[in-house]
């Protein structure tokens, strides 16, 4: 949700890192955001769960990538 809400607000995500345990927004706002980005008209809980697991996996990979690190990342803005 932290990434998706910032993306929706067109904020720069190059220097943002997920903070576990940091609560942002309400449960209703989070669910609405997930449903919007899930791109299904009426997603089931399983579809939302699969979407969030896949997104989390991809974002963790991105955060740990050398290409997205503060040292090298400035050379690859938006990567």
N, C-alpha and C. Protein backbone atom coordinates (compact mmCIF):
# COMPACT_ATOMS: atom_id res chain seq x y z
N UNK A 1 0.82 -1.19 0.00
CA UNK A 1 0.00 0.00 0.00
C UNK A 1 0.86 1.25 0.00
N UNK A 2 1.98 1.22 0.73
CA UNK A 2 2.85 2.40 0.79
C UNK A 2 3.35 2.78 -0.61
N UNK A 3 3.75 1.81 -1.38
CA UNK A 3 4.21 2.09 -2.74
C UNK A 3 3.06 2.52 -3.65
N UNK A 4 1.97 1.78 -3.61
CA UNK A 4 0.85 2.06 -4.51
C UNK A 4 0.23 3.43 -4.25
N UNK A 5 0.10 3.81 -2.99
CA UNK A 5 -0.50 5.11 -2.69
C UNK A 5 0.41 6.25 -3.16
N UNK A 6 1.72 6.07 -3.01
CA UNK A 6 2.66 7.09 -3.50
C UNK A 6 2.67 7.14 -5.03
N UNK A 7 2.61 5.98 -5.66
CA UNK A 7 2.56 5.92 -7.12
C UNK A 7 1.32 6.63 -7.64
N UNK A 8 0.20 6.38 -6.98
CA UNK A 8 -1.07 7.00 -7.38
C UNK A 8 -1.00 8.53 -7.26
N UNK A 9 -0.23 9.03 -6.27
CA UNK A 9 -0.08 10.47 -6.07
C UNK A 9 1.04 11.05 -6.95
N UNK A 10 1.61 10.19 -7.82
CA UNK A 10 2.68 10.59 -8.74
C UNK A 10 3.93 11.09 -8.01
N UNK A 11 4.22 10.47 -6.85
CA UNK A 11 5.43 10.81 -6.10
C UNK A 11 6.60 9.99 -6.63
N UNK A 12 7.80 10.52 -6.48
CA UNK A 12 9.01 9.84 -6.92
C UNK A 12 9.28 8.66 -5.99
N UNK A 13 9.37 7.47 -6.55
CA UNK A 13 9.60 6.26 -5.76
C UNK A 13 11.06 5.83 -5.75
N UNK A 14 11.93 6.57 -6.44
CA UNK A 14 13.33 6.17 -6.54
C UNK A 14 14.03 6.09 -5.19
N UNK A 15 13.66 6.94 -4.24
CA UNK A 15 14.34 6.95 -2.95
C UNK A 15 13.44 6.52 -1.81
N UNK A 16 12.30 5.92 -2.14
CA UNK A 16 11.39 5.44 -1.11
C UNK A 16 11.68 3.98 -0.81
N UNK A 17 11.64 3.62 0.46
CA UNK A 17 11.80 2.25 0.89
C UNK A 17 10.67 1.91 1.85
N UNK A 18 10.11 0.74 1.69
CA UNK A 18 9.03 0.27 2.54
C UNK A 18 9.48 0.23 4.00
N UNK A 19 8.61 0.68 4.90
CA UNK A 19 8.89 0.66 6.33
C UNK A 19 7.90 -0.31 6.98
N UNK A 20 8.36 -1.51 7.37
CA UNK A 20 7.45 -2.47 8.00
C UNK A 20 6.88 -1.90 9.31
N UNK A 21 5.62 -2.17 9.53
CA UNK A 21 4.98 -1.73 10.75
C UNK A 21 4.47 -0.30 10.74
N UNK A 22 4.86 0.47 9.72
CA UNK A 22 4.38 1.84 9.62
C UNK A 22 2.98 1.82 9.04
N UNK A 23 2.04 2.36 9.79
CA UNK A 23 0.64 2.35 9.36
C UNK A 23 0.31 3.64 8.63
N UNK A 24 -0.17 3.50 7.43
CA UNK A 24 -0.59 4.64 6.62
C UNK A 24 -2.00 4.37 6.12
N UNK A 25 -2.83 5.36 6.19
CA UNK A 25 -4.20 5.21 5.69
C UNK A 25 -5.03 4.27 6.56
N UNK A 26 -6.25 4.10 6.13
CA UNK A 26 -7.18 3.21 6.83
C UNK A 26 -7.28 1.89 6.08
N UNK A 27 -7.90 0.92 6.73
CA UNK A 27 -8.11 -0.37 6.07
C UNK A 27 -8.96 -0.20 4.81
N UNK A 28 -9.93 0.68 4.88
CA UNK A 28 -10.81 0.93 3.73
C UNK A 28 -10.02 1.54 2.56
N UNK A 29 -9.14 2.51 2.86
CA UNK A 29 -8.32 3.13 1.82
C UNK A 29 -7.36 2.12 1.21
N UNK A 30 -6.78 1.28 2.05
CA UNK A 30 -5.85 0.26 1.57
C UNK A 30 -6.55 -0.72 0.63
N UNK A 31 -7.70 -1.21 1.04
CA UNK A 31 -8.44 -2.15 0.21
C UNK A 31 -8.87 -1.52 -1.10
N UNK A 32 -9.32 -0.27 -1.05
CA UNK A 32 -9.73 0.42 -2.28
C UNK A 32 -8.55 0.58 -3.23
N UNK A 33 -7.38 0.90 -2.69
CA UNK A 33 -6.17 1.06 -3.51
C UNK A 33 -5.77 -0.28 -4.13
N UNK A 34 -5.78 -1.34 -3.33
CA UNK A 34 -5.43 -2.66 -3.85
C UNK A 34 -6.40 -3.10 -4.95
N UNK A 35 -7.67 -2.85 -4.74
CA UNK A 35 -8.66 -3.23 -5.75
C UNK A 35 -8.49 -2.43 -7.03
N UNK A 36 -8.11 -1.18 -6.90
CA UNK A 36 -7.89 -0.35 -8.09
C UNK A 36 -6.72 -0.87 -8.91
N UNK A 37 -5.62 -1.21 -8.26
CA UNK A 37 -4.43 -1.66 -8.97
C UNK A 37 -4.50 -3.13 -9.37
N UNK A 38 -5.37 -3.88 -8.75
CA UNK A 38 -5.55 -5.29 -9.09
C UNK A 38 -6.13 -5.44 -10.49
N UNK A 39 -6.85 -4.42 -10.95
CA UNK A 39 -7.41 -4.36 -12.31
C UNK A 39 -8.48 -5.42 -12.58
N UNK A 40 -9.16 -5.85 -11.55
CA UNK A 40 -10.28 -6.76 -11.71
C UNK A 40 -11.54 -6.00 -11.29
N UNK A 41 -12.64 -6.21 -11.98
CA UNK A 41 -13.86 -5.47 -11.66
C UNK A 41 -14.45 -5.90 -10.32
N UNK A 42 -14.33 -7.16 -9.98
CA UNK A 42 -14.87 -7.66 -8.72
C UNK A 42 -13.95 -8.77 -8.21
N UNK A 43 -12.74 -8.41 -7.73
CA UNK A 43 -11.77 -9.44 -7.36
C UNK A 43 -12.18 -10.21 -6.10
N UNK A 44 -11.82 -11.46 -6.08
CA UNK A 44 -12.05 -12.27 -4.89
C UNK A 44 -10.90 -12.00 -3.91
N UNK A 45 -11.06 -12.48 -2.68
CA UNK A 45 -9.98 -12.33 -1.70
C UNK A 45 -8.73 -13.06 -2.16
N UNK A 46 -8.90 -14.18 -2.83
CA UNK A 46 -7.76 -14.94 -3.33
C UNK A 46 -7.01 -14.14 -4.38
N UNK A 47 -7.72 -13.48 -5.28
CA UNK A 47 -7.07 -12.67 -6.31
C UNK A 47 -6.33 -11.49 -5.68
N UNK A 48 -6.93 -10.84 -4.70
CA UNK A 48 -6.26 -9.73 -4.01
C UNK A 48 -5.03 -10.24 -3.27
N UNK A 49 -5.16 -11.39 -2.62
CA UNK A 49 -4.04 -11.98 -1.89
C UNK A 49 -2.90 -12.33 -2.84
N UNK A 50 -3.22 -12.97 -3.96
CA UNK A 50 -2.18 -13.31 -4.95
C UNK A 50 -1.51 -12.06 -5.50
N UNK A 51 -2.31 -11.04 -5.77
CA UNK A 51 -1.77 -9.77 -6.27
C UNK A 51 -0.79 -9.16 -5.26
N UNK A 52 -1.19 -9.10 -3.99
CA UNK A 52 -0.31 -8.49 -2.98
C UNK A 52 0.95 -9.31 -2.75
N UNK A 53 0.83 -10.65 -2.76
CA UNK A 53 2.03 -11.48 -2.59
C UNK A 53 3.00 -11.30 -3.75
N UNK A 54 2.48 -11.27 -4.97
CA UNK A 54 3.33 -11.07 -6.13
C UNK A 54 3.98 -9.69 -6.11
N UNK A 55 3.19 -8.66 -5.79
CA UNK A 55 3.71 -7.30 -5.73
C UNK A 55 4.79 -7.18 -4.66
N UNK A 56 4.55 -7.73 -3.48
CA UNK A 56 5.54 -7.69 -2.40
C UNK A 56 6.83 -8.38 -2.81
N UNK A 57 6.71 -9.52 -3.47
CA UNK A 57 7.89 -10.26 -3.94
C UNK A 57 8.70 -9.40 -4.91
N UNK A 58 8.03 -8.78 -5.87
CA UNK A 58 8.71 -7.96 -6.85
C UNK A 58 9.35 -6.72 -6.22
N UNK A 59 8.65 -6.09 -5.29
CA UNK A 59 9.18 -4.89 -4.64
C UNK A 59 10.38 -5.21 -3.77
N UNK A 60 10.36 -6.36 -3.07
CA UNK A 60 11.53 -6.76 -2.28
C UNK A 60 12.74 -6.98 -3.18
N UNK A 61 12.51 -7.64 -4.31
CA UNK A 61 13.60 -7.85 -5.28
C UNK A 61 14.16 -6.51 -5.76
N UNK A 62 13.26 -5.57 -6.04
CA UNK A 62 13.67 -4.25 -6.51
C UNK A 62 14.47 -3.51 -5.44
N UNK A 63 13.99 -3.54 -4.19
CA UNK A 63 14.69 -2.85 -3.11
C UNK A 63 16.09 -3.42 -2.87
N UNK A 64 16.26 -4.72 -3.13
CA UNK A 64 17.56 -5.36 -2.91
C UNK A 64 18.45 -5.34 -4.14
N UNK A 65 17.96 -4.82 -5.24
CA UNK A 65 18.72 -4.79 -6.48
C UNK A 65 19.82 -3.72 -6.42
N UNK A 66 20.98 -4.06 -6.92
CA UNK A 66 22.08 -3.10 -6.97
C UNK A 66 21.73 -1.92 -7.88
N UNK A 67 20.89 -2.14 -8.88
CA UNK A 67 20.51 -1.08 -9.80
C UNK A 67 19.60 -0.04 -9.15
N UNK A 68 18.97 -0.41 -8.04
CA UNK A 68 18.08 0.51 -7.33
C UNK A 68 18.71 1.03 -6.05
N UNK A 69 19.96 0.72 -5.80
CA UNK A 69 20.63 1.17 -4.58
C UNK A 69 20.97 2.67 -4.68
N UNK A 70 21.14 3.32 -3.54
CA UNK A 70 21.47 4.76 -3.56
C UNK A 70 22.78 5.06 -4.30
N UNK A 71 23.74 4.12 -4.26
CA UNK A 71 25.03 4.34 -4.90
C UNK A 71 24.92 4.30 -6.42
N UNK A 72 24.32 3.25 -6.95
CA UNK A 72 24.22 3.06 -8.39
C UNK A 72 22.90 3.61 -8.93
N UNK A 73 21.88 3.62 -8.10
CA UNK A 73 20.54 3.98 -8.54
C UNK A 73 20.41 5.33 -9.20
N UNK A 74 21.24 6.29 -8.80
CA UNK A 74 21.16 7.63 -9.42
C UNK A 74 21.49 7.59 -10.91
N UNK A 75 22.22 6.57 -11.32
CA UNK A 75 22.56 6.40 -12.73
C UNK A 75 21.39 5.83 -13.53
N UNK A 76 20.44 5.22 -12.82
CA UNK A 76 19.31 4.55 -13.46
C UNK A 76 17.99 5.09 -12.93
N UNK A 77 17.77 6.38 -12.97
CA UNK A 77 16.55 6.99 -12.44
C UNK A 77 15.31 6.35 -13.06
N UNK A 78 14.37 5.97 -12.21
CA UNK A 78 13.14 5.37 -12.67
C UNK A 78 13.23 3.90 -13.01
N UNK A 79 14.41 3.33 -12.89
CA UNK A 79 14.60 1.92 -13.25
C UNK A 79 13.81 1.04 -12.34
